[in-house]
Amino acid sequence: MLQTAANAHDVTANGPYDCGPFHLTLCSRGGVTRIHTEVTACDLYADGRGAFTLYWLYNGFQGRVRDGNGSASGCGDSIVTGTDNPVWYIQSCIDGGSPAIYCGAKIPA
């Protein structure tokens, strides 16, 4: 079922709990807003690893939105699609050093 204004909602996905001295602190958070057309990415921990949100559209296309300012105040966001092809899944991740990435669960948007 495609999301419509009547049944759309904002969704938040937690990234991995892999930050801090004991690797138990939440590193990133991602989300989808604006009737499943805008993706957000927030870096929550100042450790030099970048945060991003992976997203999958209804038609199967996969992309990513980065938090371009690191853990400074504010998050990255981008309108990635229209309402005719909504964001279907999201997953919040951090860079772990090439080629590794660490992610939270992939969740329905």
N, C-alpha and C. Protein backbone atom coordinates (compact mmCIF):
# COMPACT_ATOMS: atom_id res chain seq x y z
N MET A 1 0.84 -1.18 0.00
CA MET A 1 0.00 0.00 0.00
C MET A 1 0.89 1.24 0.00
N LEU A 2 0.67 2.14 -0.89
CA LEU A 2 1.40 3.41 -0.91
C LEU A 2 0.91 4.30 0.21
N GLN A 3 1.84 5.07 0.80
CA GLN A 3 1.47 6.00 1.86
C GLN A 3 0.76 7.21 1.27
N THR A 4 -0.29 7.64 1.92
CA THR A 4 -0.99 8.85 1.54
C THR A 4 -0.97 9.81 2.71
N ALA A 5 -1.38 11.03 2.49
CA ALA A 5 -1.39 12.01 3.57
C ALA A 5 -2.22 11.53 4.75
N ALA A 6 -3.23 10.74 4.48
CA ALA A 6 -4.12 10.28 5.55
C ALA A 6 -3.46 9.23 6.44
N ASN A 7 -2.54 8.39 5.88
CA ASN A 7 -1.96 7.33 6.69
C ASN A 7 -0.44 7.45 6.84
N ALA A 8 0.15 8.53 6.37
CA ALA A 8 1.59 8.71 6.50
C ALA A 8 1.96 9.12 7.92
N HIS A 9 3.19 8.83 8.28
CA HIS A 9 3.69 9.19 9.60
C HIS A 9 5.21 9.31 9.53
N ASP A 10 5.79 10.01 10.48
CA ASP A 10 7.24 10.12 10.56
C ASP A 10 7.79 8.89 11.27
N VAL A 11 8.95 8.43 10.83
CA VAL A 11 9.57 7.24 11.40
C VAL A 11 11.01 7.58 11.77
N THR A 12 11.47 7.08 12.92
CA THR A 12 12.85 7.26 13.36
C THR A 12 13.51 5.91 13.54
N ALA A 13 14.76 5.80 13.07
CA ALA A 13 15.54 4.57 13.21
C ALA A 13 16.81 4.87 13.98
N ASN A 14 17.07 4.11 15.04
CA ASN A 14 18.32 4.24 15.76
C ASN A 14 19.42 3.51 15.01
N GLY A 15 20.61 4.11 15.03
CA GLY A 15 21.78 3.46 14.46
C GLY A 15 22.38 2.50 15.47
N PRO A 16 23.62 2.11 15.26
CA PRO A 16 24.25 1.15 16.18
C PRO A 16 24.61 1.78 17.52
N TYR A 17 24.63 0.97 18.54
CA TYR A 17 25.16 1.35 19.87
C TYR A 17 26.61 0.89 19.89
N ASP A 18 27.48 1.66 19.22
CA ASP A 18 28.88 1.27 19.06
C ASP A 18 29.83 2.42 19.40
N CYS A 19 29.35 3.45 20.07
CA CYS A 19 30.18 4.62 20.38
C CYS A 19 30.48 4.68 21.87
N GLY A 20 31.43 5.54 22.20
CA GLY A 20 31.82 5.72 23.59
C GLY A 20 32.90 4.73 24.00
N PRO A 21 33.45 4.92 25.19
CA PRO A 21 34.58 4.10 25.62
C PRO A 21 34.26 2.61 25.76
N PHE A 22 33.00 2.28 26.00
CA PHE A 22 32.62 0.88 26.14
C PHE A 22 31.75 0.39 24.97
N HIS A 23 31.65 1.22 23.92
CA HIS A 23 30.86 0.89 22.72
C HIS A 23 29.41 0.56 23.07
N LEU A 24 28.82 1.37 23.97
CA LEU A 24 27.44 1.16 24.40
C LEU A 24 26.55 2.37 24.14
N THR A 25 27.10 3.41 23.52
CA THR A 25 26.38 4.66 23.31
C THR A 25 25.83 4.71 21.88
N LEU A 26 24.61 5.23 21.75
CA LEU A 26 23.99 5.37 20.44
C LEU A 26 24.81 6.33 19.58
N CYS A 27 25.17 5.91 18.37
CA CYS A 27 26.03 6.69 17.48
C CYS A 27 25.26 7.60 16.52
N SER A 28 24.13 7.14 16.04
CA SER A 28 23.42 7.88 14.99
C SER A 28 21.93 7.61 15.05
N ARG A 29 21.19 8.48 14.37
CA ARG A 29 19.75 8.32 14.26
C ARG A 29 19.35 8.81 12.87
N GLY A 30 18.43 8.11 12.25
CA GLY A 30 17.93 8.51 10.94
C GLY A 30 16.42 8.58 10.96
N GLY A 31 15.85 9.13 9.92
CA GLY A 31 14.40 9.22 9.88
C GLY A 31 13.86 9.50 8.50
N VAL A 32 12.55 9.42 8.42
CA VAL A 32 11.84 9.79 7.20
C VAL A 32 10.65 10.66 7.61
N THR A 33 10.44 11.75 6.89
CA THR A 33 9.40 12.72 7.19
C THR A 33 8.73 13.18 5.90
N ARG A 34 7.85 14.15 6.03
CA ARG A 34 7.18 14.79 4.89
C ARG A 34 6.51 13.79 3.94
N ILE A 35 5.63 13.00 4.51
CA ILE A 35 4.85 12.03 3.74
C ILE A 35 5.78 11.07 2.98
N HIS A 36 6.82 10.63 3.68
CA HIS A 36 7.77 9.62 3.16
C HIS A 36 8.56 10.10 1.95
N THR A 37 8.91 11.39 1.94
CA THR A 37 9.71 11.92 0.83
C THR A 37 11.06 12.47 1.28
N GLU A 38 11.23 12.78 2.58
CA GLU A 38 12.46 13.38 3.09
C GLU A 38 13.15 12.43 4.06
N VAL A 39 14.48 12.26 3.88
CA VAL A 39 15.28 11.40 4.74
C VAL A 39 16.23 12.27 5.56
N THR A 40 16.38 11.94 6.85
CA THR A 40 17.28 12.67 7.74
C THR A 40 18.37 11.74 8.27
N ALA A 41 19.52 12.34 8.63
CA ALA A 41 20.64 11.59 9.21
C ALA A 41 21.28 12.47 10.28
N CYS A 42 21.45 11.93 11.48
CA CYS A 42 22.03 12.68 12.61
C CYS A 42 23.18 11.91 13.23
N ASP A 43 24.35 12.56 13.28
CA ASP A 43 25.53 12.02 13.96
C ASP A 43 25.43 12.44 15.42
N LEU A 44 25.40 11.49 16.33
CA LEU A 44 25.15 11.78 17.74
C LEU A 44 26.40 11.72 18.62
N TYR A 45 27.54 11.32 18.05
CA TYR A 45 28.73 11.14 18.88
C TYR A 45 29.97 11.66 18.16
N ALA A 46 30.73 12.52 18.82
CA ALA A 46 31.92 13.15 18.23
C ALA A 46 33.11 12.20 18.30
N ASP A 47 33.21 11.32 17.28
CA ASP A 47 34.33 10.38 17.25
C ASP A 47 35.01 10.35 15.88
N GLY A 48 34.62 11.26 14.99
CA GLY A 48 35.24 11.32 13.67
C GLY A 48 34.67 10.37 12.64
N ARG A 49 33.75 9.51 13.04
CA ARG A 49 33.10 8.61 12.08
C ARG A 49 31.84 9.30 11.58
N GLY A 50 31.61 9.30 10.31
CA GLY A 50 30.44 9.95 9.75
C GLY A 50 29.18 9.12 9.89
N ALA A 51 28.04 9.79 9.95
CA ALA A 51 26.75 9.11 10.05
C ALA A 51 25.95 9.33 8.77
N PHE A 52 25.16 8.34 8.42
CA PHE A 52 24.30 8.45 7.24
C PHE A 52 23.11 7.54 7.41
N THR A 53 22.07 7.80 6.63
CA THR A 53 20.88 6.96 6.62
C THR A 53 20.74 6.35 5.24
N LEU A 54 20.69 5.04 5.19
CA LEU A 54 20.36 4.33 3.95
C LEU A 54 18.85 4.32 3.80
N TYR A 55 18.38 4.42 2.57
CA TYR A 55 16.94 4.36 2.33
C TYR A 55 16.66 3.55 1.07
N TRP A 56 15.48 2.96 1.05
CA TRP A 56 15.01 2.19 -0.09
C TRP A 56 13.65 2.75 -0.49
N LEU A 57 13.49 3.04 -1.75
CA LEU A 57 12.21 3.54 -2.26
C LEU A 57 11.30 2.37 -2.61
N TYR A 58 10.03 2.67 -2.80
CA TYR A 58 9.03 1.67 -3.16
C TYR A 58 9.44 0.89 -4.41
N ASN A 59 10.09 1.57 -5.38
CA ASN A 59 10.48 0.91 -6.63
C ASN A 59 11.77 0.11 -6.51
N GLY A 60 12.40 0.07 -5.32
CA GLY A 60 13.61 -0.71 -5.10
C GLY A 60 14.91 0.09 -5.13
N PHE A 61 14.86 1.34 -5.57
CA PHE A 61 16.06 2.17 -5.60
C PHE A 61 16.61 2.35 -4.19
N GLN A 62 17.94 2.27 -4.05
CA GLN A 62 18.59 2.48 -2.75
C GLN A 62 19.50 3.70 -2.84
N GLY A 63 19.50 4.51 -1.77
CA GLY A 63 20.37 5.67 -1.70
C GLY A 63 20.79 5.94 -0.27
N ARG A 64 21.50 7.07 -0.06
CA ARG A 64 21.92 7.44 1.29
C ARG A 64 21.92 8.94 1.44
N VAL A 65 21.65 9.38 2.67
CA VAL A 65 21.72 10.79 3.05
C VAL A 65 22.70 10.89 4.20
N ARG A 66 23.67 11.80 4.10
CA ARG A 66 24.71 11.98 5.13
C ARG A 66 24.41 13.17 6.02
N ASP A 67 24.93 13.10 7.24
CA ASP A 67 24.97 14.26 8.13
C ASP A 67 26.30 14.95 7.83
N GLY A 68 26.26 16.01 7.06
CA GLY A 68 27.46 16.64 6.54
C GLY A 68 28.28 17.42 7.55
N ASN A 69 27.73 17.72 8.72
CA ASN A 69 28.48 18.54 9.69
C ASN A 69 28.99 17.72 10.87
N GLY A 70 29.05 16.41 10.73
CA GLY A 70 29.52 15.57 11.82
C GLY A 70 28.58 15.65 13.00
N SER A 71 29.14 15.64 14.19
CA SER A 71 28.30 15.63 15.39
C SER A 71 27.92 17.04 15.85
N ALA A 72 28.25 18.07 15.06
CA ALA A 72 27.82 19.43 15.39
C ALA A 72 26.30 19.51 15.37
N SER A 73 25.76 20.56 15.96
CA SER A 73 24.31 20.74 16.03
C SER A 73 23.70 20.72 14.64
N GLY A 74 22.55 20.09 14.53
CA GLY A 74 21.85 19.99 13.25
C GLY A 74 22.12 18.65 12.60
N CYS A 75 21.24 18.27 11.72
CA CYS A 75 21.32 16.99 11.03
C CYS A 75 21.32 17.21 9.53
N GLY A 76 21.68 16.18 8.79
CA GLY A 76 21.55 16.22 7.34
C GLY A 76 20.15 15.81 6.94
N ASP A 77 19.64 16.38 5.87
CA ASP A 77 18.32 15.98 5.38
C ASP A 77 18.24 16.28 3.88
N SER A 78 17.41 15.51 3.21
CA SER A 78 17.22 15.70 1.78
C SER A 78 15.87 15.13 1.36
N ILE A 79 15.16 15.87 0.52
CA ILE A 79 13.97 15.33 -0.12
C ILE A 79 14.46 14.45 -1.26
N VAL A 80 14.20 13.15 -1.19
CA VAL A 80 14.80 12.19 -2.10
C VAL A 80 13.84 11.62 -3.13
N THR A 81 12.56 11.93 -3.01
CA THR A 81 11.57 11.32 -3.90
C THR A 81 10.27 12.10 -3.83
N GLY A 82 9.31 11.70 -4.63
CA GLY A 82 7.97 12.27 -4.57
C GLY A 82 7.02 11.29 -3.91
N THR A 83 5.79 11.72 -3.70
CA THR A 83 4.82 10.88 -3.00
C THR A 83 4.37 9.67 -3.84
N ASP A 84 4.63 9.68 -5.15
CA ASP A 84 4.27 8.55 -6.00
C ASP A 84 5.24 7.38 -5.88
N ASN A 85 6.41 7.58 -5.26
CA ASN A 85 7.42 6.54 -5.08
C ASN A 85 8.07 6.75 -3.70
N PRO A 86 7.33 6.47 -2.62
CA PRO A 86 7.77 6.87 -1.27
C PRO A 86 8.96 6.06 -0.75
N VAL A 87 9.59 6.60 0.28
CA VAL A 87 10.61 5.86 1.01
C VAL A 87 9.92 4.70 1.71
N TRP A 88 10.45 3.49 1.51
CA TRP A 88 9.81 2.29 2.00
C TRP A 88 10.52 1.71 3.23
N TYR A 89 11.87 1.81 3.27
CA TYR A 89 12.67 1.34 4.40
C TYR A 89 13.78 2.34 4.68
N ILE A 90 14.24 2.39 5.95
CA ILE A 90 15.40 3.20 6.31
C ILE A 90 16.28 2.40 7.26
N GLN A 91 17.58 2.80 7.31
CA GLN A 91 18.55 2.17 8.20
C GLN A 91 19.63 3.19 8.53
N SER A 92 19.84 3.46 9.82
CA SER A 92 20.82 4.44 10.27
C SER A 92 22.17 3.77 10.49
N CYS A 93 23.25 4.40 9.95
CA CYS A 93 24.57 3.78 9.96
C CYS A 93 25.68 4.78 10.29
N ILE A 94 26.85 4.24 10.61
CA ILE A 94 28.06 5.04 10.77
C ILE A 94 29.18 4.39 9.96
N ASP A 95 30.14 5.21 9.52
CA ASP A 95 31.33 4.69 8.87
C ASP A 95 32.21 4.04 9.92
N GLY A 96 32.69 2.86 9.62
CA GLY A 96 33.56 2.16 10.56
C GLY A 96 34.98 2.05 10.06
N GLY A 97 35.30 2.76 8.99
CA GLY A 97 36.60 2.62 8.36
C GLY A 97 36.47 1.69 7.17
N SER A 98 37.01 2.08 6.06
CA SER A 98 36.84 1.37 4.80
C SER A 98 37.23 -0.09 4.93
N PRO A 99 36.43 -1.02 4.45
CA PRO A 99 35.11 -0.84 3.85
C PRO A 99 33.97 -1.04 4.84
N ALA A 100 34.26 -1.13 6.13
CA ALA A 100 33.24 -1.48 7.13
C ALA A 100 32.28 -0.33 7.39
N ILE A 101 31.02 -0.67 7.55
CA ILE A 101 30.00 0.24 8.08
C ILE A 101 29.24 -0.52 9.15
N TYR A 102 28.71 0.23 10.12
CA TYR A 102 27.94 -0.37 11.20
C TYR A 102 26.57 0.27 11.18
N CYS A 103 25.54 -0.57 11.25
CA CYS A 103 24.17 -0.06 11.11
C CYS A 103 23.26 -0.63 12.19
N GLY A 104 22.20 0.14 12.48
CA GLY A 104 21.10 -0.37 13.26
C GLY A 104 20.20 -1.21 12.36
N ALA A 105 19.07 -1.58 12.86
CA ALA A 105 18.14 -2.41 12.09
C ALA A 105 17.54 -1.65 10.92
N LYS A 106 17.32 -2.36 9.82
CA LYS A 106 16.57 -1.84 8.68
C LYS A 106 15.10 -1.95 9.05
N ILE A 107 14.38 -0.80 9.00
CA ILE A 107 12.99 -0.80 9.45
C ILE A 107 12.07 -0.24 8.37
N PRO A 108 10.80 -0.66 8.37
CA PRO A 108 9.83 -0.07 7.43
C PRO A 108 9.62 1.39 7.73
N ALA A 109 9.46 2.17 6.68
CA ALA A 109 9.30 3.62 6.86
C ALA A 109 7.86 3.99 7.05
